[in-house]
Amino acid sequence: MIGRLNHVAIAVKDLASATALYRDTLGARVSQQQPEPQHGVTVVFVELPNTKIELLEPLGAESPIAKFLERNPDGGIHHICYEVDDILVARDRLKERGARVLGSGEPRIGAHGKPVLFLHPKDFLGTLVELEQA
């Protein structure tokens, strides 16, 4: 059901510093900052030959990333994102198998302009999983 790894998301306190680390220290190609108010974050994508790293900074105190950083003050891996061919088919199949879809269960548009869903970390070895329609 799952396809390629789309990205690994890392929560950061300071997006400019994190971007500079990847760009200047590691020599990576990075995107411009992109506010995603519907998700409560500002993102930067680090382009790698085989996938992406998504750097996430909270956009306001109510951001899920702000809450994550309260529990993890140094930041860290927040979620992994896999591609699926059809997000609704994947959602229905996962629900039939007992997986919990977070939120309303309906896909929302993610940072790449494609439908996304999040799956409960307790159902996936303690890892928050994002699915993105390819």
C-alpha atoms as a PDB file:
ATOM      1  CA  MET A   1       0.000   0.000   0.000  1.00  0.00           C
ATOM      2  CA  ILE A   2       2.713   2.525   0.898  1.00  0.00           C
ATOM      3  CA  GLY A   3       5.021   3.843  -1.740  1.00  0.00           C
ATOM      4  CA  ARG A   4       8.257   5.729  -1.456  1.00  0.00           C
ATOM      5  CA  LEU A   5       9.380   7.730   1.548  1.00  0.00           C
ATOM      6  CA  ASN A   6       8.357  11.296   0.783  1.00  0.00           C
ATOM      7  CA  HIS A   7      10.033  13.034   3.726  1.00  0.00           C
ATOM      8  CA  VAL A   8      11.183  12.894   7.323  1.00  0.00           C
ATOM      9  CA  ALA A   9       9.943  15.865   9.363  1.00  0.00           C
ATOM     10  CA  ILE A  10      12.097  17.432  12.069  1.00  0.00           C
ATOM     11  CA  ALA A  11      10.656  19.894  14.587  1.00  0.00           C
ATOM     12  CA  VAL A  12      12.937  22.878  15.249  1.00  0.00           C
ATOM     13  CA  LYS A  13      12.787  25.943  17.496  1.00  0.00           C
ATOM     14  CA  ASP A  14      14.617  28.210  15.045  1.00  0.00           C
ATOM     15  CA  LEU A  15      13.893  27.566  11.388  1.00  0.00           C
ATOM     16  CA  ALA A  16      16.497  30.058  10.122  1.00  0.00           C
ATOM     17  CA  SER A  17      19.283  28.375  12.127  1.00  0.00           C
ATOM     18  CA  ALA A  18      18.163  24.894  11.109  1.00  0.00           C
ATOM     19  CA  THR A  19      18.010  25.955   7.454  1.00  0.00           C
ATOM     20  CA  ALA A  20      21.501  27.454   7.674  1.00  0.00           C
ATOM     21  CA  LEU A  21      22.824  24.244   9.233  1.00  0.00           C
ATOM     22  CA  TYR A  22      21.562  22.131   6.336  1.00  0.00           C
ATOM     23  CA  ARG A  23      22.490  24.687   3.658  1.00  0.00           C
ATOM     24  CA  ASP A  24      25.830  26.017   4.932  1.00  0.00           C
ATOM     25  CA  THR A  25      27.228  23.136   6.972  1.00  0.00           C
ATOM     26  CA  LEU A  26      25.890  20.138   5.059  1.00  0.00           C
ATOM     27  CA  GLY A  27      25.766  21.817   1.640  1.00  0.00           C
ATOM     28  CA  ALA A  28      22.137  20.878   0.995  1.00  0.00           C
ATOM     29  CA  ARG A  29      19.717  22.630  -1.325  1.00  0.00           C
ATOM     30  CA  VAL A  30      16.870  24.136   0.726  1.00  0.00           C
ATOM     31  CA  SER A  31      13.571  25.761  -0.161  1.00  0.00           C
ATOM     32  CA  GLN A  32      12.276  29.121   0.935  1.00  0.00           C
ATOM     33  CA  GLN A  33      10.272  29.259   4.166  1.00  0.00           C
ATOM     34  CA  GLN A  34       6.648  28.378   3.528  1.00  0.00           C
ATOM     35  CA  PRO A  35       3.963  29.235   6.128  1.00  0.00           C
ATOM     36  CA  GLU A  36       1.264  26.570   6.439  1.00  0.00           C
ATOM     37  CA  PRO A  37      -1.283  28.223   8.762  1.00  0.00           C
ATOM     38  CA  GLN A  38      -3.846  25.412   8.377  1.00  0.00           C
ATOM     39  CA  HIS A  39      -1.250  23.044   9.916  1.00  0.00           C
ATOM     40  CA  GLY A  40       0.187  25.569  12.394  1.00  0.00           C
ATOM     41  CA  VAL A  41       3.736  25.444  11.009  1.00  0.00           C
ATOM     42  CA  THR A  42       6.274  27.149   8.812  1.00  0.00           C
ATOM     43  CA  VAL A  43       8.257  24.658   6.728  1.00  0.00           C
ATOM     44  CA  VAL A  44      11.491  24.452   4.789  1.00  0.00           C
ATOM     45  CA  PHE A  45      12.250  21.467   2.588  1.00  0.00           C
ATOM     46  CA  VAL A  46      15.777  20.121   2.327  1.00  0.00           C
ATOM     47  CA  GLU A  47      16.137  18.416  -1.051  1.00  0.00           C
ATOM     48  CA  LEU A  48      18.072  15.136  -1.070  1.00  0.00           C
ATOM     49  CA  PRO A  49      18.716  12.863  -4.054  1.00  0.00           C
ATOM     50  CA  ASN A  50      16.263  10.219  -2.812  1.00  0.00           C
ATOM     51  CA  THR A  51      13.846  12.088  -0.491  1.00  0.00           C
ATOM     52  CA  LYS A  52      13.352  15.294   1.505  1.00  0.00           C
ATOM     53  CA  ILE A  53      13.787  16.519   5.054  1.00  0.00           C
ATOM     54  CA  GLU A  54      10.984  18.809   6.218  1.00  0.00           C
ATOM     55  CA  LEU A  55      12.040  21.302   8.876  1.00  0.00           C
ATOM     56  CA  LEU A  56       9.026  22.404  10.959  1.00  0.00           C
ATOM     57  CA  GLU A  57       8.837  25.517  13.111  1.00  0.00           C
ATOM     58  CA  PRO A  58       5.708  26.295  15.155  1.00  0.00           C
ATOM     59  CA  LEU A  59       3.427  28.972  13.767  1.00  0.00           C
ATOM     60  CA  GLY A  60       1.867  30.187  17.015  1.00  0.00           C
ATOM     61  CA  ALA A  61       1.582  28.785  20.518  1.00  0.00           C
ATOM     62  CA  GLU A  62      -1.257  26.399  19.600  1.00  0.00           C
ATOM     63  CA  SER A  63       0.786  24.660  16.909  1.00  0.00           C
ATOM     64  CA  PRO A  64       1.189  20.893  17.338  1.00  0.00           C
ATOM     65  CA  ILE A  65       4.906  21.550  16.832  1.00  0.00           C
ATOM     66  CA  ALA A  66       4.946  23.984  19.773  1.00  0.00           C
ATOM     67  CA  LYS A  67       3.487  21.234  21.934  1.00  0.00           C
ATOM     68  CA  PHE A  68       6.039  18.741  20.576  1.00  0.00           C
ATOM     69  CA  LEU A  69       8.876  21.164  21.403  1.00  0.00           C
ATOM     70  CA  GLU A  70       7.547  21.585  24.957  1.00  0.00           C
ATOM     71  CA  ARG A  71       8.053  17.843  25.426  1.00  0.00           C
ATOM     72  CA  ASN A  72      11.256  17.745  23.341  1.00  0.00           C
ATOM     73  CA  PRO A  73      13.052  21.083  23.899  1.00  0.00           C
ATOM     74  CA  ASP A  74      15.927  20.200  21.561  1.00  0.00           C
ATOM     75  CA  GLY A  75      13.538  19.313  18.738  1.00  0.00           C
ATOM     76  CA  GLY A  76      13.791  16.069  16.826  1.00  0.00           C
ATOM     77  CA  ILE A  77      12.026  13.801  14.392  1.00  0.00           C
ATOM     78  CA  HIS A  78       8.310  14.582  14.425  1.00  0.00           C
ATOM     79  CA  HIS A  79       6.921  12.280  11.715  1.00  0.00           C
ATOM     80  CA  ILE A  80       7.663  10.314   8.575  1.00  0.00           C
ATOM     81  CA  CYS A  81       5.665  10.647   5.376  1.00  0.00           C
ATOM     82  CA  TYR A  82       4.933   7.873   2.907  1.00  0.00           C
ATOM     83  CA  GLU A  83       3.333   8.263  -0.488  1.00  0.00           C
ATOM     84  CA  VAL A  84       0.176   6.355  -1.428  1.00  0.00           C
ATOM     85  CA  ASP A  85      -1.512   6.114  -4.814  1.00  0.00           C
ATOM     86  CA  ASP A  86      -5.023   6.821  -3.520  1.00  0.00           C
ATOM     87  CA  ILE A  87      -5.345   8.368  -0.076  1.00  0.00           C
ATOM     88  CA  LEU A  88      -9.025   7.484   0.366  1.00  0.00           C
ATOM     89  CA  VAL A  89      -8.461   3.823  -0.518  1.00  0.00           C
ATOM     90  CA  ALA A  90      -5.444   3.738   1.819  1.00  0.00           C
ATOM     91  CA  ARG A  91      -7.443   5.402   4.633  1.00  0.00           C
ATOM     92  CA  ASP A  92     -10.343   2.974   4.307  1.00  0.00           C
ATOM     93  CA  ARG A  93      -8.068  -0.073   4.172  1.00  0.00           C
ATOM     94  CA  LEU A  94      -6.124   1.109   7.231  1.00  0.00           C
ATOM     95  CA  LYS A  95      -9.303   1.799   9.218  1.00  0.00           C
ATOM     96  CA  GLU A  96     -10.611  -1.677   8.333  1.00  0.00           C
ATOM     97  CA  ARG A  97      -7.377  -3.059   9.810  1.00  0.00           C
ATOM     98  CA  GLY A  98      -7.788  -1.096  13.047  1.00  0.00           C
ATOM     99  CA  ALA A  99      -5.511   1.887  12.401  1.00  0.00           C
ATOM    100  CA  ARG A 100      -6.652   5.241  13.771  1.00  0.00           C
ATOM    101  CA  VAL A 101      -6.675   8.253  11.472  1.00  0.00           C
ATOM    102  CA  LEU A 102      -6.154  11.522  13.340  1.00  0.00           C
ATOM    103  CA  GLY A 103      -8.477  14.503  13.091  1.00  0.00           C
ATOM    104  CA  SER A 104     -11.725  14.206  11.178  1.00  0.00           C
ATOM    105  CA  GLY A 105     -10.413  11.352   9.033  1.00  0.00           C
ATOM    106  CA  GLU A 106     -10.795  13.470   5.939  1.00  0.00           C
ATOM    107  CA  PRO A 107      -7.660  14.417   3.971  1.00  0.00           C
ATOM    108  CA  ARG A 108      -6.381  17.986   4.156  1.00  0.00           C
ATOM    109  CA  ILE A 109      -4.092  19.703   1.700  1.00  0.00           C
ATOM    110  CA  GLY A 110      -0.462  19.482   2.845  1.00  0.00           C
ATOM    111  CA  ALA A 111       2.625  21.575   2.179  1.00  0.00           C
ATOM    112  CA  HIS A 112       3.118  20.003  -1.267  1.00  0.00           C
ATOM    113  CA  GLY A 113      -0.431  20.910  -2.334  1.00  0.00           C
ATOM    114  CA  LYS A 114      -1.561  17.267  -2.144  1.00  0.00           C
ATOM    115  CA  PRO A 115      -4.033  15.498   0.163  1.00  0.00           C
ATOM    116  CA  VAL A 116      -2.543  14.194   3.426  1.00  0.00           C
ATOM    117  CA  LEU A 117      -3.662  12.226   6.487  1.00  0.00           C
ATOM    118  CA  PHE A 118      -1.937  11.442   9.767  1.00  0.00           C
ATOM    119  CA  LEU A 119      -2.056   8.081  11.537  1.00  0.00           C
ATOM    120  CA  HIS A 120      -1.933   7.624  15.303  1.00  0.00           C
ATOM    121  CA  PRO A 121       1.613   6.926  16.551  1.00  0.00           C
ATOM    122  CA  LYS A 122       0.389   4.270  18.996  1.00  0.00           C
ATOM    123  CA  ASP A 123      -0.661   2.189  15.995  1.00  0.00           C
ATOM    124  CA  PHE A 124       2.736   2.523  14.246  1.00  0.00           C
ATOM    125  CA  LEU A 125       5.478   1.670  16.735  1.00  0.00           C
ATOM    126  CA  GLY A 126       5.376   5.082  18.398  1.00  0.00           C
ATOM    127  CA  THR A 127       5.865   6.960  15.126  1.00  0.00           C
ATOM    128  CA  LEU A 128       3.492   9.586  13.774  1.00  0.00           C
ATOM    129  CA  VAL A 129       2.902   8.622  10.129  1.00  0.00           C
ATOM    130  CA  GLU A 130       1.742  10.996   7.421  1.00  0.00           C
ATOM    131  CA  LEU A 131       0.323   9.662   4.189  1.00  0.00           C
ATOM    132  CA  GLU A 132       0.455  11.859   1.094  1.00  0.00           C
ATOM    133  CA  GLN A 133      -1.286  11.090  -2.161  1.00  0.00           C
ATOM    134  CA  ALA A 134       1.359  10.721  -4.860  1.00  0.00           C
END
